[in-house]
């Protein structure tokens, strides 16, 4: 019973070994791809955090610019209103 063939002249043990080898190789490949995916996830998270920080800084800079522009408008408006009509 241990030397049964199935038309391709391979005994059962040889077929089981071949299937097991394929499964092991597939698992190794899966493990490597999973490791790469985890690494990419960490890099993506870090990049997202940096982007969020940059967006916060940009919002603060925009607020500062808006405040300066408002002050400039007030100064120019007061100068224009003091000029005599021509």
N, C-alpha and C. Protein backbone atom coordinates (compact mmCIF):
# COMPACT_ATOMS: atom_id res chain seq x y z
N UNK A 1 0.81 -1.19 0.00
CA UNK A 1 0.00 0.00 0.00
C UNK A 1 0.86 1.26 0.00
N UNK A 2 2.08 1.20 0.53
CA UNK A 2 2.94 2.35 0.57
C UNK A 2 3.53 2.70 -0.78
N UNK A 3 3.52 1.76 -1.74
CA UNK A 3 4.08 2.02 -3.06
C UNK A 3 3.01 2.17 -4.13
N UNK A 4 1.81 2.58 -3.75
CA UNK A 4 0.73 2.73 -4.73
C UNK A 4 1.06 3.86 -5.69
N UNK A 5 0.81 3.62 -6.97
CA UNK A 5 1.01 4.66 -7.97
C UNK A 5 -0.34 5.06 -8.51
N UNK A 6 -0.36 6.24 -9.12
CA UNK A 6 -1.63 6.77 -9.61
C UNK A 6 -1.50 7.13 -11.08
N UNK A 7 -0.87 6.28 -11.86
CA UNK A 7 -0.79 6.47 -13.29
C UNK A 7 0.39 7.32 -13.73
N UNK A 8 1.07 7.98 -12.84
CA UNK A 8 2.20 8.83 -13.24
C UNK A 8 3.52 8.29 -12.68
N UNK A 9 3.49 7.08 -12.25
CA UNK A 9 4.68 6.38 -11.75
C UNK A 9 5.31 7.04 -10.53
N UNK A 10 4.56 7.81 -9.75
CA UNK A 10 5.04 8.40 -8.51
C UNK A 10 4.28 7.76 -7.37
N UNK A 11 5.00 7.37 -6.35
CA UNK A 11 4.29 6.77 -5.23
C UNK A 11 3.67 7.88 -4.38
N UNK A 12 2.82 7.50 -3.49
CA UNK A 12 2.07 8.46 -2.66
C UNK A 12 3.00 9.37 -1.87
N UNK A 13 4.05 8.81 -1.31
CA UNK A 13 4.96 9.61 -0.50
C UNK A 13 5.62 10.70 -1.33
N UNK A 14 6.00 10.38 -2.55
CA UNK A 14 6.59 11.39 -3.43
C UNK A 14 5.60 12.51 -3.72
N UNK A 15 4.36 12.15 -3.98
CA UNK A 15 3.33 13.16 -4.26
C UNK A 15 3.09 14.04 -3.04
N UNK A 16 3.03 13.43 -1.87
CA UNK A 16 2.82 14.20 -0.63
C UNK A 16 4.01 15.12 -0.39
N UNK A 17 5.21 14.62 -0.62
CA UNK A 17 6.40 15.46 -0.44
C UNK A 17 6.39 16.65 -1.40
N UNK A 18 5.99 16.43 -2.64
CA UNK A 18 5.93 17.53 -3.62
C UNK A 18 4.90 18.59 -3.19
N UNK A 19 3.76 18.13 -2.75
CA UNK A 19 2.72 19.06 -2.29
C UNK A 19 3.19 19.82 -1.06
N UNK A 20 3.82 19.11 -0.16
CA UNK A 20 4.34 19.75 1.05
C UNK A 20 5.41 20.79 0.71
N UNK A 21 6.26 20.49 -0.25
CA UNK A 21 7.28 21.44 -0.68
C UNK A 21 6.64 22.69 -1.28
N UNK A 22 5.62 22.51 -2.08
CA UNK A 22 4.91 23.67 -2.65
C UNK A 22 4.28 24.50 -1.54
N UNK A 23 3.66 23.86 -0.58
CA UNK A 23 3.03 24.59 0.53
C UNK A 23 4.06 25.36 1.34
N UNK A 24 5.19 24.75 1.60
CA UNK A 24 6.25 25.43 2.37
C UNK A 24 6.76 26.63 1.59
N UNK A 25 7.02 26.46 0.30
CA UNK A 25 7.49 27.58 -0.52
C UNK A 25 6.46 28.71 -0.58
N UNK A 26 5.20 28.36 -0.72
CA UNK A 26 4.14 29.37 -0.73
C UNK A 26 4.07 30.10 0.61
N UNK A 27 4.25 29.37 1.68
CA UNK A 27 4.21 30.00 3.00
C UNK A 27 5.40 30.95 3.18
N UNK A 28 6.56 30.56 2.72
CA UNK A 28 7.74 31.43 2.81
C UNK A 28 7.50 32.71 2.01
N UNK A 29 6.95 32.56 0.82
CA UNK A 29 6.66 33.73 -0.01
C UNK A 29 5.61 34.61 0.67
N UNK A 30 4.57 34.02 1.22
CA UNK A 30 3.53 34.77 1.93
C UNK A 30 4.14 35.52 3.11
N UNK A 31 5.02 34.86 3.85
CA UNK A 31 5.65 35.48 5.01
C UNK A 31 6.47 36.70 4.59
N UNK A 32 7.21 36.60 3.51
CA UNK A 32 8.02 37.72 3.02
C UNK A 32 7.12 38.87 2.56
N UNK A 33 6.05 38.57 1.84
CA UNK A 33 5.13 39.61 1.39
C UNK A 33 4.44 40.28 2.58
N UNK A 34 4.11 39.51 3.58
CA UNK A 34 3.47 40.05 4.78
C UNK A 34 4.44 40.99 5.50
N UNK A 35 5.71 40.62 5.58
CA UNK A 35 6.71 41.46 6.20
C UNK A 35 6.86 42.78 5.45
N UNK A 36 6.86 42.71 4.13
CA UNK A 36 6.95 43.93 3.31
C UNK A 36 5.72 44.81 3.51
N UNK A 37 4.56 44.20 3.62
CA UNK A 37 3.33 44.95 3.84
C UNK A 37 3.35 45.66 5.18
N UNK A 38 3.82 44.99 6.20
CA UNK A 38 3.92 45.62 7.52
C UNK A 38 4.90 46.80 7.50
N UNK A 39 6.01 46.63 6.80
CA UNK A 39 6.98 47.71 6.68
C UNK A 39 6.35 48.90 5.95
N UNK A 40 5.63 48.65 4.88
CA UNK A 40 4.96 49.72 4.13
C UNK A 40 3.92 50.41 4.99
N UNK A 41 3.23 49.66 5.82
CA UNK A 41 2.22 50.24 6.70
C UNK A 41 2.87 51.20 7.70
N UNK A 42 4.01 50.83 8.24
CA UNK A 42 4.71 51.70 9.19
C UNK A 42 5.17 52.98 8.48
N UNK A 43 5.72 52.84 7.28
CA UNK A 43 6.18 54.01 6.53
C UNK A 43 5.00 54.91 6.19
N UNK A 44 3.89 54.33 5.79
CA UNK A 44 2.69 55.11 5.46
C UNK A 44 2.17 55.86 6.68
N UNK A 45 2.16 55.22 7.83
CA UNK A 45 1.70 55.86 9.06
C UNK A 45 2.61 57.04 9.39
N UNK A 46 3.91 56.85 9.30
CA UNK A 46 4.87 57.91 9.60
C UNK A 46 4.66 59.09 8.64
N UNK A 47 4.51 58.80 7.37
CA UNK A 47 4.30 59.85 6.38
C UNK A 47 3.00 60.59 6.63
N UNK A 48 1.97 59.89 7.01
CA UNK A 48 0.68 60.52 7.32
C UNK A 48 0.81 61.44 8.52
N UNK A 49 1.57 61.03 9.53
CA UNK A 49 1.78 61.88 10.70
C UNK A 49 2.53 63.15 10.32
N UNK A 50 3.54 63.03 9.48
CA UNK A 50 4.29 64.20 9.02
C UNK A 50 3.39 65.14 8.22
N UNK A 51 2.54 64.57 7.38
CA UNK A 51 1.62 65.38 6.59
C UNK A 51 0.63 66.12 7.48
N UNK A 52 0.12 65.47 8.50
CA UNK A 52 -0.80 66.11 9.44
C UNK A 52 -0.10 67.25 10.17
N UNK A 53 1.15 67.06 10.57
CA UNK A 53 1.91 68.12 11.24
C UNK A 53 2.12 69.29 10.30
N UNK A 54 2.47 69.02 9.06
CA UNK A 54 2.68 70.08 8.08
C UNK A 54 1.39 70.85 7.83
N UNK A 55 0.27 70.16 7.80
CA UNK A 55 -1.02 70.82 7.60
C UNK A 55 -1.34 71.73 8.78
N UNK A 56 -1.04 71.31 9.99
CA UNK A 56 -1.25 72.13 11.18
C UNK A 56 -0.39 73.39 11.11
N UNK A 57 0.87 73.22 10.72
CA UNK A 57 1.77 74.36 10.60
C UNK A 57 1.30 75.32 9.51
N UNK A 58 0.80 74.79 8.41
CA UNK A 58 0.29 75.61 7.32
C UNK A 58 -0.93 76.41 7.77
N UNK A 59 -1.80 75.80 8.54
CA UNK A 59 -2.99 76.50 9.05
C UNK A 59 -2.57 77.66 9.95
N UNK A 60 -1.56 77.45 10.80
CA UNK A 60 -1.07 78.52 11.67
C UNK A 60 -0.46 79.64 10.84
N UNK A 61 0.30 79.30 9.83
CA UNK A 61 0.91 80.32 8.97
C UNK A 61 -0.17 81.10 8.21
N UNK A 62 -1.19 80.41 7.76
CA UNK A 62 -2.30 81.08 7.05
C UNK A 62 -3.01 82.06 7.97
N UNK A 63 -3.22 81.67 9.21
CA UNK A 63 -3.86 82.56 10.18
C UNK A 63 -3.00 83.80 10.40
N UNK A 64 -1.71 83.62 10.53
CA UNK A 64 -0.78 84.75 10.71
C UNK A 64 -0.84 85.67 9.49
N UNK A 65 -0.86 85.10 8.29
CA UNK A 65 -0.95 85.89 7.06
C UNK A 65 -2.27 86.66 7.01
N UNK A 66 -3.35 86.03 7.38
CA UNK A 66 -4.65 86.71 7.39
C UNK A 66 -4.65 87.88 8.36
N UNK A 67 -4.05 87.69 9.52
CA UNK A 67 -3.99 88.77 10.51
C UNK A 67 -3.15 89.94 9.98
N UNK A 68 -2.02 89.66 9.37
CA UNK A 68 -1.18 90.71 8.79
C UNK A 68 -1.88 91.43 7.66
N UNK A 69 -2.59 90.71 6.84
CA UNK A 69 -3.33 91.32 5.74
C UNK A 69 -4.43 92.23 6.27
N UNK A 70 -5.12 91.78 7.29
CA UNK A 70 -6.18 92.61 7.88
C UNK A 70 -5.59 93.90 8.44
N UNK A 71 -4.44 93.81 9.09
CA UNK A 71 -3.78 95.01 9.63
C UNK A 71 -3.36 95.94 8.50
N UNK A 72 -2.84 95.40 7.41
CA UNK A 72 -2.44 96.21 6.27
C UNK A 72 -3.64 96.90 5.65
N UNK A 73 -4.74 96.21 5.53
CA UNK A 73 -5.97 96.80 4.97
C UNK A 73 -6.42 97.98 5.82
N UNK A 74 -6.36 97.84 7.12
CA UNK A 74 -6.76 98.92 8.03
C UNK A 74 -5.85 100.14 7.82
N UNK A 75 -4.54 99.92 7.73
CA UNK A 75 -3.59 101.03 7.54
C UNK A 75 -3.84 101.72 6.20
N UNK A 76 -3.95 100.95 5.14
CA UNK A 76 -4.17 101.54 3.81
C UNK A 76 -5.51 102.27 3.77
N UNK A 77 -6.53 101.68 4.37
CA UNK A 77 -7.84 102.32 4.39
C UNK A 77 -7.78 103.66 5.12
N UNK A 78 -7.07 103.73 6.23
CA UNK A 78 -6.99 104.99 6.97
C UNK A 78 -6.21 106.03 6.18
N UNK A 79 -5.18 105.61 5.43
CA UNK A 79 -4.43 106.55 4.60
C UNK A 79 -5.30 107.07 3.46
N UNK A 80 -6.02 106.20 2.81
CA UNK A 80 -6.86 106.59 1.68
C UNK A 80 -7.98 107.52 2.14
N UNK A 81 -8.55 107.30 3.28
CA UNK A 81 -9.65 108.14 3.76
C UNK A 81 -9.15 109.53 4.16
N UNK A 82 -7.89 109.69 4.52
CA UNK A 82 -7.36 110.98 4.90
C UNK A 82 -6.98 111.85 3.70
N UNK A 83 -6.78 111.23 2.57
CA UNK A 83 -6.39 112.00 1.39
C UNK A 83 -7.56 112.87 0.93
N UNK A 84 -7.28 114.10 0.54
CA UNK A 84 -8.35 114.95 0.03
C UNK A 84 -8.83 114.49 -1.33
N UNK A 85 -10.09 114.63 -1.62
CA UNK A 85 -10.61 114.22 -2.94
C UNK A 85 -9.99 115.07 -4.04
N UNK A 86 -9.80 114.50 -5.17
CA UNK A 86 -9.19 115.24 -6.28
C UNK A 86 -10.18 115.57 -7.35
